[in-house]
Amino acid sequence: MSALEVDQSGDIGHVHHPRRQVLLDFMNHLKSNGYLRFSYPMPNQERGEGWMMFLYEPLSQELIDQFEAA
């Protein structure tokens, strides 16, 4: 499985992955850890392929790493 691509360099972060289900699983991981400020996954229209979601507050690297380790 390819890794999540998480970009938090701007005011609103975003996460990319080729598969929608991976982002849905990531969304559930965020919810279960009390992080509730994100969008639902949507087709990535800018790239023309894959899926993306927005993050409306910064995530810790630890939270990202916990998901990727699972």
C-alpha atoms as a PDB file:
ATOM      1  CA  MET A   1       0.000   0.000   0.000  1.00  0.00           C
ATOM      2  CA  SER A   2       1.321   3.457  -0.820  1.00  0.00           C
ATOM      3  CA  ALA A   3       1.755   5.871   2.051  1.00  0.00           C
ATOM      4  CA  LEU A   4      -0.520   8.780   2.783  1.00  0.00           C
ATOM      5  CA  GLU A   5       0.686  12.076   1.384  1.00  0.00           C
ATOM      6  CA  VAL A   6       0.038  14.670   4.111  1.00  0.00           C
ATOM      7  CA  ASP A   7       0.748  18.333   3.397  1.00  0.00           C
ATOM      8  CA  GLN A   8       0.262  20.771   6.279  1.00  0.00           C
ATOM      9  CA  SER A   9       2.324  23.623   4.837  1.00  0.00           C
ATOM     10  CA  GLY A  10      -0.618  26.002   4.290  1.00  0.00           C
ATOM     11  CA  ASP A  11      -3.484  27.300   6.412  1.00  0.00           C
ATOM     12  CA  ILE A  12      -5.559  24.271   5.444  1.00  0.00           C
ATOM     13  CA  GLY A  13      -3.786  20.926   5.228  1.00  0.00           C
ATOM     14  CA  HIS A  14      -4.628  18.157   2.823  1.00  0.00           C
ATOM     15  CA  VAL A  15      -4.131  14.409   2.564  1.00  0.00           C
ATOM     16  CA  HIS A  16      -3.848  12.447  -0.684  1.00  0.00           C
ATOM     17  CA  HIS A  17      -4.021   8.743  -1.506  1.00  0.00           C
ATOM     18  CA  PRO A  18      -4.903   6.729  -4.620  1.00  0.00           C
ATOM     19  CA  ARG A  19      -7.620   4.745  -2.791  1.00  0.00           C
ATOM     20  CA  ARG A  20     -10.738   6.257  -1.216  1.00  0.00           C
ATOM     21  CA  GLN A  21     -11.011   3.461   1.375  1.00  0.00           C
ATOM     22  CA  VAL A  22      -7.602   4.355   2.819  1.00  0.00           C
ATOM     23  CA  LEU A  23      -8.780   7.931   3.423  1.00  0.00           C
ATOM     24  CA  LEU A  24     -12.021   6.652   4.967  1.00  0.00           C
ATOM     25  CA  ASP A  25      -9.942   4.470   7.304  1.00  0.00           C
ATOM     26  CA  PHE A  26      -7.713   7.473   8.096  1.00  0.00           C
ATOM     27  CA  MET A  27     -10.814   9.569   8.814  1.00  0.00           C
ATOM     28  CA  ASN A  28     -12.008   6.902  11.295  1.00  0.00           C
ATOM     29  CA  HIS A  29      -8.535   6.853  12.882  1.00  0.00           C
ATOM     30  CA  LEU A  30      -8.716  10.630  13.330  1.00  0.00           C
ATOM     31  CA  LYS A  31     -12.212  10.438  14.843  1.00  0.00           C
ATOM     32  CA  SER A  32     -11.188   7.718  17.285  1.00  0.00           C
ATOM     33  CA  ASN A  33      -8.336   9.970  18.459  1.00  0.00           C
ATOM     34  CA  GLY A  34     -10.558  13.001  19.013  1.00  0.00           C
ATOM     35  CA  TYR A  35      -9.638  14.881  15.824  1.00  0.00           C
ATOM     36  CA  LEU A  36     -12.852  16.038  14.160  1.00  0.00           C
ATOM     37  CA  ARG A  37     -11.862  18.949  11.901  1.00  0.00           C
ATOM     38  CA  PHE A  38     -11.540  17.459   8.411  1.00  0.00           C
ATOM     39  CA  SER A  39     -13.511  17.070   5.205  1.00  0.00           C
ATOM     40  CA  TYR A  40     -14.826  13.823   3.824  1.00  0.00           C
ATOM     41  CA  PRO A  41     -12.669  12.249   1.084  1.00  0.00           C
ATOM     42  CA  MET A  42     -13.398  13.499  -2.426  1.00  0.00           C
ATOM     43  CA  PRO A  43     -11.984  12.859  -5.905  1.00  0.00           C
ATOM     44  CA  ASN A  44      -8.787  14.808  -6.457  1.00  0.00           C
ATOM     45  CA  GLN A  45      -9.842  17.061  -9.324  1.00  0.00           C
ATOM     46  CA  GLU A  46      -6.599  19.039  -9.318  1.00  0.00           C
ATOM     47  CA  ARG A  47      -4.474  15.972 -10.075  1.00  0.00           C
ATOM     48  CA  GLY A  48      -7.155  14.186 -12.074  1.00  0.00           C
ATOM     49  CA  GLU A  49      -6.664  10.922 -10.181  1.00  0.00           C
ATOM     50  CA  GLY A  50      -6.816   9.575  -6.656  1.00  0.00           C
ATOM     51  CA  TRP A  51      -8.572  10.991  -3.606  1.00  0.00           C
ATOM     52  CA  MET A  52      -7.992  13.811  -1.142  1.00  0.00           C
ATOM     53  CA  MET A  53      -9.375  15.344   2.026  1.00  0.00           C
ATOM     54  CA  PHE A  54      -8.803  18.631   3.854  1.00  0.00           C
ATOM     55  CA  LEU A  55      -7.483  19.065   7.406  1.00  0.00           C
ATOM     56  CA  TYR A  56      -8.761  22.143   9.217  1.00  0.00           C
ATOM     57  CA  GLU A  57      -6.288  22.066  12.103  1.00  0.00           C
ATOM     58  CA  PRO A  58      -2.756  20.670  12.358  1.00  0.00           C
ATOM     59  CA  LEU A  59      -2.200  16.962  12.996  1.00  0.00           C
ATOM     60  CA  SER A  60       0.680  15.639  15.046  1.00  0.00           C
ATOM     61  CA  GLN A  61       3.223  13.530  13.193  1.00  0.00           C
ATOM     62  CA  GLU A  62       2.642  10.875  15.846  1.00  0.00           C
ATOM     63  CA  LEU A  63      -1.031  10.574  14.871  1.00  0.00           C
ATOM     64  CA  ILE A  64      -0.071  10.163  11.204  1.00  0.00           C
ATOM     65  CA  ASP A  65       2.625   7.612  12.071  1.00  0.00           C
ATOM     66  CA  GLN A  66       0.194   5.574  14.219  1.00  0.00           C
ATOM     67  CA  PHE A  67      -2.109   5.151  11.220  1.00  0.00           C
ATOM     68  CA  GLU A  68       0.684   4.235   8.808  1.00  0.00           C
ATOM     69  CA  ALA A  69       2.070   1.660  11.250  1.00  0.00           C
ATOM     70  CA  ALA A  70      -1.282  -0.138  11.530  1.00  0.00           C
END
